[in-house]
Amino acid sequence: MITSFRTLILGMEIISCHSALCFHVVNFGYRDDINLCRSKLPIVKGKLPFHVVVRPGCGSSRYFHANILRLKRLNRCQPSRTVCSLSSDENVNSIFLSESYNSHVLDGEEDVISVIGRGKSVPKVLIPGLPDDSNGDSVAPISSCYWEWKPKLNVHYEKSGSENLESPPVLFLPGFGVGSFHYEKQLKDLGRDYRAWALDFLGQGMSLPSEDPTLRRKDGNKSILDGENHVWGFGDESETWAEELVYSVDLWRDQVRYFVEEVIKEPVYLVGNSLGGFVALYFAAYHPQLVKGVTLLNSTPFWGFLPNPARSPRLSRLFPWAGTFPLPSSVRKLIEVLWQKVSDPRSIEEILKQVYADHSTKVDKVFSRIIETAQHPAAAASFASIMFAPQGQLSFKEALSRCQMNDIPICLVYGKEDPWVTPIWGFQVKSQLQEAPYYEISPAGHCPHDEVPEVVNFLLRGWIRNLESNNSVALPLLDNPDDVNYDVVADLEFKRERSRKSVRVQFHGSRFSLWSWLSSRFKPLLERGLINSIK
C-alpha cells in the first residue's frame, strides 16, 4: 500500500461512481498520521464521508519526490473527480469501477500525489475499452476518400465523426510504410467525439501514383523486378507531371498544409506516429496558424540521409541523385536487391514482431495492408525516392524550438519498449520542452496507438479537453492543473475481448530532469553491484 496508508486502510467497497466531474467520498478507520477535510456531500450509509490528502515527507521514491509535494494541498477542501464511498469489507486492490470516458481511481486517489517505494502498490485507474459494434457499442463509421491535390497526385484519406460539427478536428499522420489504416482504432473510437481524419502520405499507403511517373523506350532495359507487368519508376525519362516529384519531408509538409486548408478548412490537432510525428512537428514549425496542438507518438527524431541543398549546397552536390524519377542506373541494382528483401512477407512479419512489445496484439490487418501496398507497381521506386530524398530544411530540434517560440502545445506519448525510438529520445524532447506533458507507456513498443489504443485514446481525449478548457480541466492522471510539475504513475486497466488488461503509464511533470532520469536508471544497477561486491 501507499506509505501514508500503511496503518490506515482496513478495506474499501465501491458504492457509486459517475463519469461527470465529481467527488471522492471515502469512509474508513484512521489514525492521526493524515489530514482530513470534510466534504459537503451527504453522508453515505450513515457514515461520515471524508476527502483524503496524503501528508508529504513519507520518504523517497523512484517515481515521486516527497520533498517537493506542495504543503498547500493539505489545507485544501477542493473535491476531486471521482465519487466513491468506501467501507471496510473489501481489499482496495480488488476494486473495479464501471467504464466511462473519465478515469476512476481503483486503489489510491487521483488527487493524491503518492509516494510509492519499490515493491509498493501503484494506483489503478479503469479506462474505457474500445467500442465493439458486435456488442451493440456505438462505433464511428469510417469513410474512405480521395482528394486530388495536383494533377496525377491523388491523396487517399479516411475520416469519421463528420457530424460532430462543434468538436475540434484531429488529423492523424502515419509512420513509414503504413497508411491511414493504421489509425482505424482511433477513427472508430475518437470519431464518436471529434471530427477525425487520417492521411496517407504521397508515395505510401493508397496515395501511390495511379500511373507510371516515367516513360520507357521500347529498347529500354528490363528490371529484374518486372513480372508480367513492369514496375513503375524505372523508365528512361520522367513524365511531365512527375519531373520535380520527390517523396520528401518537404513534399509531405506541403501536402498536409493544403489538406488542412482545402479539406479540413480550420486549424487542427495533429497526431503523428514515428515519421508522422516528425512531419507533424515539421509542419507545425512552418504553419503554426494551422495547428491547435501536436501529439508525438514515438516520433522519429530525424528523417532523411542526404543533405538538404538549401542548408548544405556544396555537400548536396556530391550526391547527383536526390529521389527524382526515373531512378538512375547507378542505384537501380541496389534498390532492386534491397526491395526484394524489404518487401518479403517474412521480413515484414519480423519487423512487426520488433515494433510490437506485446506479441499477443493482432496485427493481421496491418500485415495484409502492408503486403498489399508492397505489391503496387509504383512501390519499389517510391521506396527508393523516399530513401534518397534530401533532409528537411529544419532539423527535429529546430522544429521543436520554432514550435516552442510559437507556443504550440505539444504532448509526448511514447511506448517504453520501442526498440527503434528508445526512451532516451523521448526524454531528450522532454528536456527541451519542460512544460510538455510526457506519458510513458509500458508495455508498449513503437506503435502504441495500435498496440494499446485504449490508453492512447484516453490520453488524447484528456489532453484535448485540457487545451479546449484553457487548462481548467486537469490533464489525464492528474487531479489538478497545478499538478503538472510532478511525476505520477498509475496502472491503467481496460477490457479487451472479455478479458482485463493492465498497462503502466508514467506521467513526467515539468520538473523533469534528464540527468535525474539517467541517475534513477543507473543508481539501482550501481547499488546492486555494490551489494554483490560486498557479498
Protein backbone atom coordinates (compact mmCIF):
# COMPACT_ATOMS: atom_id res chain seq x y z
CA MET A 1 0.00 0.00 0.00
CA ILE A 2 0.95 3.69 -0.21
CA THR A 3 3.34 4.53 2.64
CA SER A 4 1.00 7.03 4.31
CA PHE A 5 -1.78 4.45 4.38
CA ARG A 6 0.35 1.71 5.98
CA THR A 7 -1.76 1.58 9.18
CA LEU A 8 -4.80 3.38 7.84
CA ILE A 9 -6.89 1.45 5.37
CA LEU A 10 -8.81 -1.52 6.74
CA GLY A 11 -10.66 -2.18 3.50
CA MET A 12 -12.87 -0.45 0.95
CA GLU A 13 -16.05 -1.01 -1.04
CA ILE A 14 -17.34 0.95 -4.04
CA ILE A 15 -20.83 2.38 -3.54
CA SER A 16 -21.17 4.61 -6.58
CA CYS A 17 -19.13 6.13 -9.39
CA HIS A 18 -20.05 8.71 -12.01
CA SER A 19 -18.43 9.83 -15.22
CA ALA A 20 -19.06 13.53 -14.66
CA LEU A 21 -16.72 15.73 -12.65
CA CYS A 22 -17.46 14.94 -9.03
CA PHE A 23 -16.02 13.98 -5.65
CA HIS A 24 -14.00 11.35 -3.83
CA VAL A 25 -16.02 10.18 -0.81
CA VAL A 26 -14.47 7.63 1.50
CA ASN A 27 -15.25 6.02 4.84
CA PHE A 28 -12.57 4.24 6.83
CA GLY A 29 -10.89 3.72 10.16
CA TYR A 30 -7.91 6.06 10.54
CA ARG A 31 -5.12 7.33 12.72
CA ASP A 32 -3.72 10.79 13.07
CA ASP A 33 -0.93 10.41 10.50
CA ILE A 34 -3.03 12.05 7.77
CA ASN A 35 -5.07 15.24 7.39
CA LEU A 36 -8.76 15.02 6.60
CA CYS A 37 -11.11 17.59 5.17
CA ARG A 38 -14.90 17.31 5.44
CA SER A 39 -16.87 17.06 2.19
CA LYS A 40 -20.16 18.79 1.52
CA LEU A 41 -21.65 15.59 0.11
CA PRO A 42 -24.37 13.77 2.05
CA ILE A 43 -23.38 11.01 4.44
CA VAL A 44 -23.43 7.54 2.84
CA LYS A 45 -24.84 4.60 4.83
CA GLY A 46 -24.92 6.78 7.92
CA LYS A 47 -21.14 7.13 7.91
CA LEU A 48 -19.19 10.33 7.75
CA PRO A 49 -17.53 10.91 4.35
CA PHE A 50 -14.07 12.44 4.14
CA HIS A 51 -11.73 13.77 1.46
CA VAL A 52 -8.26 12.29 1.88
CA VAL A 53 -4.94 14.03 1.32
CA VAL A 54 -1.60 12.34 1.94
CA ARG A 55 0.84 14.18 4.20
CA PRO A 56 4.19 14.78 2.46
CA GLY A 57 7.55 13.68 3.75
CA CYS A 58 6.88 9.96 3.59
CA GLY A 59 10.25 9.01 2.16
CA SER A 60 11.97 8.80 -1.19
CA SER A 61 10.65 7.06 -4.28
CA ARG A 62 11.75 6.02 -7.73
CA TYR A 63 8.56 7.59 -9.09
CA PHE A 64 7.98 10.66 -6.92
CA HIS A 65 9.91 13.12 -4.82
CA ALA A 66 8.26 13.66 -1.45
CA ASN A 67 10.27 16.76 -0.63
CA ILE A 68 8.53 18.76 -3.38
CA LEU A 69 4.92 17.96 -2.53
CA ARG A 70 3.08 21.21 -2.01
CA LEU A 71 2.01 21.89 1.55
CA LYS A 72 -0.91 23.97 0.43
CA ARG A 73 -2.69 20.79 -0.70
CA LEU A 74 -3.03 19.73 2.92
CA ASN A 75 -5.42 22.55 3.75
CA ARG A 76 -7.48 22.42 0.60
CA CYS A 77 -11.11 21.30 0.74
CA GLN A 78 -11.40 21.08 -3.03
CA PRO A 79 -13.18 17.96 -4.30
CA SER A 80 -11.66 15.66 -6.87
CA ARG A 81 -13.29 13.98 -9.82
CA THR A 82 -14.49 10.53 -8.82
CA VAL A 83 -17.34 9.61 -6.48
CA CYS A 84 -16.52 6.55 -4.39
CA SER A 85 -17.89 5.56 -0.99
CA LEU A 86 -15.67 3.10 0.78
CA SER A 87 -16.14 0.82 3.77
CA SER A 88 -14.08 -1.84 5.48
CA ASP A 89 -15.01 -5.14 3.92
CA GLU A 90 -13.15 -5.23 0.60
CA ASN A 91 -9.47 -5.14 -0.17
CA VAL A 92 -8.61 -1.95 -2.02
CA ASN A 93 -6.62 -3.76 -4.73
CA SER A 94 -9.68 -5.72 -5.85
CA ILE A 95 -11.87 -2.73 -6.63
CA PHE A 96 -13.00 -2.09 -10.20
CA LEU A 97 -15.24 0.68 -11.41
CA SER A 98 -17.69 0.94 -14.30
CA GLU A 99 -16.49 2.33 -17.62
CA SER A 100 -16.88 5.91 -18.77
CA TYR A 101 -14.81 8.45 -20.64
CA ASN A 102 -13.40 9.70 -17.34
CA SER A 103 -10.86 7.71 -15.42
CA HIS A 104 -11.66 6.25 -11.99
CA VAL A 105 -9.08 5.56 -9.33
CA LEU A 106 -9.12 1.98 -8.16
CA ASP A 107 -6.55 1.87 -5.41
CA GLY A 108 -5.39 5.28 -4.29
CA GLU A 109 -6.88 8.55 -5.48
CA GLU A 110 -6.29 10.76 -8.46
CA ASP A 111 -5.96 13.92 -6.39
CA VAL A 112 -3.29 12.44 -4.12
CA ILE A 113 0.31 12.75 -5.21
CA SER A 114 1.59 9.47 -3.80
CA VAL A 115 4.95 8.42 -2.51
CA ILE A 116 5.47 4.91 -3.87
CA GLY A 117 8.56 2.95 -2.98
CA ARG A 118 9.89 -0.16 -4.60
CA GLY A 119 7.54 -3.06 -4.04
CA LYS A 120 4.65 -0.79 -3.02
CA SER A 121 1.29 -0.68 -4.70
CA VAL A 122 0.53 1.66 -7.60
CA PRO A 123 -2.84 3.39 -8.09
CA LYS A 124 -5.08 1.60 -10.59
CA VAL A 125 -7.28 3.54 -12.98
CA LEU A 126 -10.07 1.94 -15.01
CA ILE A 127 -10.43 3.44 -18.51
CA PRO A 128 -12.85 2.61 -21.34
CA GLY A 129 -12.13 -0.22 -23.74
CA LEU A 130 -12.54 0.19 -27.47
CA PRO A 131 -16.14 0.31 -28.72
CA ASP A 132 -17.29 -3.01 -30.18
CA ASP A 133 -20.21 -2.84 -32.62
CA SER A 134 -20.75 -6.60 -32.25
CA ASN A 135 -21.71 -5.90 -28.64
CA GLY A 136 -24.00 -3.06 -29.59
CA ASP A 137 -21.49 -0.30 -28.84
CA SER A 138 -21.63 2.89 -30.82
CA VAL A 139 -18.77 2.92 -33.33
CA ALA A 140 -17.97 5.85 -35.59
CA PRO A 141 -18.23 4.75 -39.25
CA ILE A 142 -15.13 5.35 -41.38
CA SER A 143 -15.28 6.75 -44.90
CA SER A 144 -12.51 6.20 -47.47
CA CYS A 145 -11.95 9.24 -49.71
CA TYR A 146 -9.63 10.71 -52.32
CA TRP A 147 -8.53 14.31 -52.77
CA GLU A 148 -6.75 15.49 -55.92
CA TRP A 149 -4.03 17.81 -54.74
CA LYS A 150 -2.20 18.17 -58.04
CA PRO A 151 -2.61 16.57 -61.49
CA LYS A 152 -1.93 12.82 -61.18
CA LEU A 153 -1.33 13.18 -57.41
CA ASN A 154 -4.40 11.82 -55.65
CA VAL A 155 -4.24 11.68 -51.87
CA HIS A 156 -6.12 8.95 -50.03
CA TYR A 157 -7.53 9.66 -46.59
CA GLU A 158 -10.09 8.27 -44.18
CA LYS A 159 -12.45 10.23 -41.98
CA SER A 160 -15.01 9.77 -39.23
CA GLY A 161 -17.17 11.92 -36.99
CA SER A 162 -18.21 14.38 -39.70
CA GLU A 163 -21.45 15.02 -37.80
CA ASN A 164 -19.56 16.40 -34.78
CA LEU A 165 -19.66 19.92 -36.16
CA GLU A 166 -18.97 21.64 -32.86
CA SER A 167 -15.99 19.47 -31.94
CA PRO A 168 -12.34 20.21 -32.75
CA PRO A 169 -10.76 18.45 -35.75
CA VAL A 170 -8.00 15.88 -35.29
CA LEU A 171 -5.64 14.80 -38.08
CA PHE A 172 -3.61 11.58 -37.77
CA LEU A 173 -0.34 11.17 -39.70
CA PRO A 174 1.07 7.64 -40.20
CA GLY A 175 4.54 6.21 -39.87
CA PHE A 176 6.78 4.98 -42.66
CA GLY A 177 5.48 2.00 -44.63
CA VAL A 178 1.89 2.20 -43.42
CA GLY A 179 -1.07 4.47 -44.03
CA SER A 180 -4.37 5.73 -42.70
CA PHE A 181 -5.44 2.15 -41.97
CA HIS A 182 -3.03 2.17 -39.01
CA TYR A 183 -5.38 4.58 -37.21
CA GLU A 184 -8.56 2.54 -37.58
CA LYS A 185 -8.84 2.13 -33.79
CA GLN A 186 -8.64 5.89 -33.32
CA LEU A 187 -11.13 6.79 -36.05
CA LYS A 188 -13.74 4.32 -34.79
CA ASP A 189 -13.42 5.47 -31.18
CA LEU A 190 -12.41 9.15 -31.22
CA GLY A 191 -14.70 9.76 -34.19
CA ARG A 192 -17.59 9.48 -31.73
CA ASP A 193 -16.46 12.74 -30.10
CA TYR A 194 -14.37 14.57 -32.68
CA ARG A 195 -14.07 15.10 -36.39
CA ALA A 196 -11.17 12.83 -37.27
CA TRP A 197 -9.05 12.36 -40.40
CA ALA A 198 -6.15 10.03 -41.20
CA LEU A 199 -3.93 10.78 -44.17
CA ASP A 200 -1.82 8.63 -46.50
CA PHE A 201 1.42 10.40 -47.39
CA LEU A 202 2.17 10.59 -51.10
CA GLY A 203 4.31 7.60 -52.03
CA GLN A 204 2.80 5.44 -49.28
CA GLY A 205 -0.38 3.55 -48.48
CA MET A 206 -3.09 4.25 -51.03
CA SER A 207 -1.54 7.56 -52.11
CA LEU A 208 0.78 5.87 -54.58
CA PRO A 209 0.53 7.17 -58.17
CA SER A 210 -2.16 5.74 -60.43
CA GLU A 211 0.20 5.58 -63.41
CA ASP A 212 3.91 5.25 -64.17
CA PRO A 213 5.78 8.52 -63.49
CA THR A 214 8.30 7.58 -66.18
CA LEU A 215 8.37 6.79 -69.88
CA ARG A 216 10.14 3.70 -71.19
CA ARG A 217 11.64 3.33 -74.62
CA LYS A 218 10.91 0.12 -76.48
CA ASP A 219 14.58 -0.87 -76.28
CA GLY A 220 14.86 0.10 -72.61
CA ASN A 221 16.42 -2.26 -70.13
CA LYS A 222 14.08 -4.52 -68.24
CA SER A 223 14.18 -4.51 -64.44
CA ILE A 224 14.68 -7.77 -62.54
CA LEU A 225 11.56 -6.76 -60.58
CA ASP A 226 9.48 -6.91 -63.75
CA GLY A 227 6.97 -9.70 -63.95
CA GLU A 228 4.16 -9.84 -66.42
CA ASN A 229 3.59 -6.13 -65.68
CA HIS A 230 6.71 -3.98 -65.37
CA VAL A 231 7.31 -1.94 -62.25
CA TRP A 232 6.90 1.82 -62.42
CA GLY A 233 9.54 4.48 -62.00
CA PHE A 234 12.35 2.52 -63.69
CA GLY A 235 11.79 4.04 -67.14
CA ASP A 236 14.12 6.17 -69.21
CA GLU A 237 12.70 9.65 -68.67
CA SER A 238 10.20 11.39 -66.44
CA GLU A 239 6.61 12.18 -67.32
CA THR A 240 5.89 15.91 -67.37
CA TRP A 241 3.75 15.83 -64.24
CA ALA A 242 6.48 13.96 -62.30
CA GLU A 243 9.55 15.97 -63.34
CA GLU A 244 10.04 17.51 -59.87
CA LEU A 245 8.37 14.76 -57.85
CA VAL A 246 10.38 13.66 -54.79
CA TYR A 247 8.79 11.92 -51.82
CA SER A 248 10.48 14.12 -49.24
CA VAL A 249 9.52 15.60 -45.90
CA ASP A 250 9.10 18.97 -47.64
CA LEU A 251 6.55 17.44 -50.03
CA TRP A 252 4.64 15.90 -47.11
CA ARG A 253 4.71 19.21 -45.22
CA ASP A 254 3.10 20.92 -48.21
CA GLN A 255 0.66 18.04 -48.64
CA VAL A 256 -0.53 18.43 -45.04
CA ARG A 257 -0.78 22.20 -45.41
CA TYR A 258 -3.07 22.09 -48.42
CA PHE A 259 -5.09 19.24 -46.97
CA VAL A 260 -5.78 21.27 -43.84
CA GLU A 261 -6.57 24.40 -45.84
CA GLU A 262 -8.70 22.80 -48.57
CA VAL A 263 -10.31 19.76 -46.91
CA ILE A 264 -10.49 20.42 -43.16
CA LYS A 265 -10.57 24.23 -43.57
CA GLU A 266 -9.60 25.10 -40.00
CA PRO A 267 -6.71 24.60 -37.56
CA VAL A 268 -6.30 21.03 -36.32
CA TYR A 269 -4.85 18.88 -33.60
CA LEU A 270 -2.10 16.81 -35.20
CA VAL A 271 -1.22 13.29 -34.02
CA GLY A 272 1.78 11.59 -35.61
CA ASN A 273 3.50 8.26 -35.07
CA SER A 274 7.17 7.75 -36.00
CA LEU A 275 7.64 9.51 -39.37
CA GLY A 276 4.18 11.01 -38.92
CA GLY A 277 5.36 12.66 -35.71
CA PHE A 278 8.34 14.18 -37.48
CA VAL A 279 6.11 15.54 -40.27
CA ALA A 280 3.56 16.87 -37.75
CA LEU A 281 6.23 18.82 -35.89
CA TYR A 282 7.90 19.97 -39.11
CA PHE A 283 4.58 21.19 -40.49
CA ALA A 284 3.69 22.96 -37.22
CA ALA A 285 7.03 24.77 -37.24
CA TYR A 286 6.25 26.26 -40.66
CA HIS A 287 2.49 26.81 -40.29
CA PRO A 288 1.66 27.45 -36.62
CA GLN A 289 -1.54 29.26 -37.58
CA LEU A 290 -2.98 25.94 -38.80
CA VAL A 291 -2.17 23.94 -35.67
CA LYS A 292 -4.02 23.73 -32.36
CA GLY A 293 -1.62 21.20 -30.85
CA VAL A 294 0.72 18.31 -31.69
CA THR A 295 0.88 14.84 -30.12
CA LEU A 296 4.04 12.87 -30.83
CA LEU A 297 3.69 9.07 -30.67
CA ASN A 298 7.23 7.65 -30.58
CA SER A 299 8.24 10.27 -33.12
CA THR A 300 11.43 9.64 -35.05
CA PRO A 301 13.91 12.44 -34.18
CA PHE A 302 15.42 12.60 -37.66
CA TRP A 303 14.48 11.89 -41.27
CA GLY A 304 16.49 11.71 -44.46
CA PHE A 305 20.06 10.64 -45.17
CA LEU A 306 21.17 13.09 -47.85
CA PRO A 307 21.96 16.76 -47.12
CA ASN A 308 19.41 19.44 -47.90
CA PRO A 309 20.57 21.61 -50.85
CA ALA A 310 19.31 24.80 -49.20
CA ARG A 311 21.24 24.11 -45.98
CA SER A 312 24.33 22.46 -47.47
CA PRO A 313 24.58 23.37 -51.19
CA ARG A 314 28.18 22.22 -51.63
CA LEU A 315 27.74 18.94 -49.81
CA SER A 316 24.50 18.16 -51.63
CA ARG A 317 26.29 18.43 -54.99
CA LEU A 318 28.27 15.32 -54.05
CA PHE A 319 25.05 13.33 -54.40
CA PRO A 320 23.86 13.67 -58.00
CA TRP A 321 20.54 11.90 -57.41
CA ALA A 322 18.06 13.11 -54.80
CA GLY A 323 14.98 10.92 -55.21
CA THR A 324 13.63 12.17 -58.54
CA PHE A 325 12.20 9.98 -61.32
CA PRO A 326 13.35 7.92 -63.13
CA LEU A 327 15.81 6.08 -60.93
CA PRO A 328 19.35 6.40 -62.32
CA SER A 329 21.05 3.22 -63.47
CA SER A 330 23.72 3.61 -60.76
CA VAL A 331 21.21 2.84 -57.97
CA ARG A 332 18.76 0.53 -59.73
CA LYS A 333 20.51 -2.74 -58.90
CA LEU A 334 20.90 -1.69 -55.27
CA ILE A 335 17.22 -0.77 -54.98
CA GLU A 336 16.08 -3.93 -56.74
CA VAL A 337 18.00 -6.19 -54.35
CA LEU A 338 17.05 -4.12 -51.30
CA TRP A 339 13.39 -4.01 -52.25
CA GLN A 340 13.19 -7.76 -52.75
CA LYS A 341 14.42 -8.13 -49.16
CA VAL A 342 12.27 -5.37 -47.63
CA SER A 343 9.03 -6.43 -49.34
CA ASP A 344 9.44 -10.11 -48.46
CA PRO A 345 6.48 -11.14 -46.24
CA ARG A 346 8.92 -12.83 -43.84
CA SER A 347 10.82 -9.56 -43.41
CA ILE A 348 7.61 -7.63 -42.80
CA GLU A 349 6.49 -10.19 -40.25
CA GLU A 350 9.82 -9.92 -38.43
CA ILE A 351 9.65 -6.12 -38.36
CA LEU A 352 6.18 -6.23 -36.82
CA LYS A 353 7.48 -8.55 -34.11
CA GLN A 354 10.18 -6.00 -33.33
CA VAL A 355 7.96 -2.94 -33.06
CA TYR A 356 5.10 -4.50 -31.05
CA ALA A 357 6.14 -5.23 -27.47
CA ASP A 358 3.03 -7.34 -26.81
CA HIS A 359 3.13 -10.17 -29.33
CA SER A 360 -0.46 -11.09 -28.50
CA THR A 361 -1.56 -7.94 -30.34
CA LYS A 362 -3.44 -8.85 -33.50
CA VAL A 363 -1.58 -7.41 -36.48
CA ASP A 364 -3.15 -9.47 -39.28
CA LYS A 365 -4.86 -6.45 -40.84
CA VAL A 366 -1.72 -4.32 -40.63
CA PHE A 367 0.34 -7.14 -42.17
CA SER A 368 -2.07 -7.68 -45.07
CA ARG A 369 -2.33 -3.95 -45.83
CA ILE A 370 1.46 -3.58 -45.90
CA ILE A 371 1.73 -6.58 -48.24
CA GLU A 372 -0.97 -5.10 -50.46
CA THR A 373 0.90 -1.79 -50.70
CA ALA A 374 4.21 -3.54 -51.41
CA GLN A 375 2.67 -5.26 -54.43
CA HIS A 376 1.75 -1.95 -56.11
CA PRO A 377 3.81 -1.40 -59.29
CA ALA A 378 4.97 2.01 -58.00
CA ALA A 379 6.02 0.76 -54.55
CA ALA A 380 9.70 -0.04 -55.24
CA ALA A 381 10.51 3.27 -56.97
CA SER A 382 8.55 5.20 -54.33
CA PHE A 383 10.60 3.46 -51.63
CA ALA A 384 13.79 4.50 -53.44
CA SER A 385 12.63 8.11 -53.74
CA ILE A 386 11.85 8.24 -50.00
CA MET A 387 15.24 6.74 -49.06
CA PHE A 388 17.23 9.12 -51.27
CA ALA A 389 15.18 12.28 -50.69
CA PRO A 390 17.13 15.07 -49.00
CA GLN A 391 16.63 16.01 -45.39
CA GLY A 392 14.24 18.80 -44.46
CA GLN A 393 15.29 22.40 -44.15
CA LEU A 394 14.80 22.19 -40.37
CA SER A 395 16.13 19.54 -38.03
CA PHE A 396 13.84 17.96 -35.45
CA LYS A 397 15.39 20.08 -32.70
CA GLU A 398 14.99 23.27 -34.74
CA ALA A 399 11.35 22.42 -35.44
CA LEU A 400 10.81 21.90 -31.71
CA SER A 401 12.34 25.31 -31.00
CA ARG A 402 10.08 27.01 -33.55
CA CYS A 403 7.01 25.37 -32.07
CA GLN A 404 8.13 26.44 -28.61
CA MET A 405 8.58 30.05 -29.78
CA ASN A 406 5.08 30.00 -31.28
CA ASP A 407 3.52 28.50 -28.12
CA ILE A 408 2.23 25.41 -29.91
CA PRO A 409 1.05 22.87 -27.32
CA ILE A 410 2.91 19.56 -27.59
CA CYS A 411 2.10 16.27 -25.88
CA LEU A 412 4.51 13.32 -25.78
CA VAL A 413 3.16 9.76 -25.69
CA TYR A 414 5.86 7.12 -26.00
CA GLY A 415 5.92 3.34 -25.77
CA LYS A 416 8.72 2.42 -23.38
CA GLU A 417 9.73 -0.83 -25.11
CA ASP A 418 10.31 0.73 -28.53
CA PRO A 419 13.48 -0.87 -29.98
CA TRP A 420 13.93 1.94 -32.52
CA VAL A 421 12.94 5.21 -30.86
CA THR A 422 14.20 4.23 -27.41
CA PRO A 423 13.13 6.17 -24.28
CA ILE A 424 16.21 8.38 -24.35
CA TRP A 425 14.88 10.12 -27.49
CA GLY A 426 11.58 10.97 -25.84
CA PHE A 427 13.36 12.27 -22.77
CA GLN A 428 15.57 14.48 -24.89
CA VAL A 429 12.42 16.09 -26.30
CA LYS A 430 11.03 16.44 -22.78
CA SER A 431 14.24 18.09 -21.57
CA GLN A 432 13.86 20.69 -24.33
CA LEU A 433 10.12 21.17 -23.73
CA GLN A 434 9.85 21.11 -19.94
CA GLU A 435 6.18 22.13 -19.96
CA ALA A 436 5.08 19.43 -22.42
CA PRO A 437 3.21 16.55 -20.74
CA TYR A 438 5.05 13.29 -21.26
CA TYR A 439 3.31 9.93 -20.86
CA GLU A 440 5.47 6.79 -20.96
CA ILE A 441 3.51 3.57 -21.56
CA SER A 442 4.71 0.10 -20.62
CA PRO A 443 4.49 -2.44 -22.07
CA ALA A 444 4.21 -0.76 -25.46
CA GLY A 445 6.50 -0.55 -28.46
CA HIS A 446 6.92 1.70 -31.47
CA CYS A 447 3.20 1.89 -32.34
CA PRO A 448 1.37 2.49 -29.04
CA HIS A 449 -1.75 3.75 -30.82
CA ASP A 450 -2.25 0.31 -32.38
CA GLU A 451 -0.85 -1.81 -29.55
CA VAL A 452 -2.64 -0.09 -26.64
CA PRO A 453 -5.23 2.12 -28.40
CA GLU A 454 -7.38 2.22 -25.27
CA VAL A 455 -4.61 4.04 -23.40
CA VAL A 456 -3.63 6.36 -26.26
CA ASN A 457 -7.26 7.31 -26.96
CA PHE A 458 -7.82 8.00 -23.26
CA LEU A 459 -4.74 10.25 -23.13
CA LEU A 460 -5.66 12.07 -26.36
CA ARG A 461 -9.19 12.77 -25.14
CA GLY A 462 -7.89 14.11 -21.85
CA TRP A 463 -5.20 16.26 -23.42
CA ILE A 464 -7.58 17.82 -25.94
CA ARG A 465 -10.11 18.52 -23.17
CA ASN A 466 -7.38 20.18 -21.15
CA LEU A 467 -6.48 22.50 -24.02
CA GLU A 468 -10.06 23.21 -25.05
CA SER A 469 -10.86 24.17 -21.45
CA ASN A 470 -7.86 26.50 -21.24
CA ASN A 471 -6.33 24.23 -18.60
CA SER A 472 -9.36 24.35 -16.30
CA VAL A 473 -9.72 20.57 -16.81
CA ALA A 474 -6.72 18.66 -15.49
CA LEU A 475 -4.54 16.50 -17.72
CA PRO A 476 -5.07 12.73 -17.68
CA LEU A 477 -3.89 11.10 -14.43
CA LEU A 478 -3.73 14.48 -12.70
CA ASP A 479 -6.39 15.74 -10.34
CA ASN A 480 -5.47 19.40 -10.54
CA PRO A 481 -3.96 21.54 -13.32
CA ASP A 482 -1.27 22.63 -10.85
CA ASP A 483 0.00 19.06 -10.55
CA VAL A 484 1.85 19.29 -13.88
CA ASN A 485 5.10 19.89 -12.01
CA TYR A 486 5.22 16.40 -10.55
CA ASP A 487 5.63 12.81 -11.69
CA VAL A 488 2.68 10.45 -11.42
CA VAL A 489 2.44 6.73 -12.12
CA ALA A 490 -0.67 4.57 -12.47
CA ASP A 491 -1.75 1.21 -13.82
CA LEU A 492 -4.45 1.77 -16.45
CA GLU A 493 -6.86 -1.14 -16.73
CA PHE A 494 -9.34 -1.76 -19.52
CA LYS A 495 -11.44 -4.52 -21.01
CA ARG A 496 -10.44 -6.16 -24.26
CA GLU A 497 -12.27 -9.15 -25.71
CA ARG A 498 -13.84 -10.16 -22.39
CA SER A 499 -10.55 -10.03 -20.52
CA ARG A 500 -8.92 -7.31 -18.48
CA LYS A 501 -5.54 -5.86 -19.41
CA SER A 502 -3.29 -3.56 -17.43
CA VAL A 503 -0.70 -1.09 -18.71
CA ARG A 504 1.52 1.12 -16.59
CA VAL A 505 1.65 4.79 -17.51
CA GLN A 506 4.07 7.27 -16.01
CA PHE A 507 3.48 11.00 -16.34
CA HIS A 508 6.63 13.11 -16.22
CA GLY A 509 5.99 16.63 -14.94
CA SER A 510 7.62 19.95 -15.77
CA ARG A 511 10.31 19.46 -13.12
CA PHE A 512 11.67 16.58 -15.14
CA SER A 513 15.46 16.43 -15.43
CA LEU A 514 17.21 14.22 -17.98
CA TRP A 515 20.13 13.88 -15.58
CA SER A 516 17.82 12.79 -12.77
CA TRP A 517 16.17 10.27 -15.07
CA LEU A 518 19.53 8.82 -16.11
CA SER A 519 20.62 8.72 -12.45
CA SER A 520 17.43 6.88 -11.47
CA ARG A 521 18.15 4.26 -14.12
CA PHE A 522 21.80 3.69 -13.20
CA LYS A 523 21.56 4.06 -9.42
CA PRO A 524 19.82 0.68 -8.83
CA LEU A 525 22.46 -1.01 -11.01
CA LEU A 526 25.26 0.59 -9.03
CA GLU A 527 23.59 -0.33 -5.74
CA ARG A 528 23.17 -3.95 -6.79
CA GLY A 529 26.78 -4.05 -7.97
CA LEU A 530 27.99 -2.65 -4.65
CA ILE A 531 25.94 -5.15 -2.67
CA ASN A 532 27.21 -8.04 -4.78
CA SER A 533 30.80 -6.91 -4.33
CA ILE A 534 30.34 -6.78 -0.54
CA LYS A 535 28.87 -10.26 -0.54
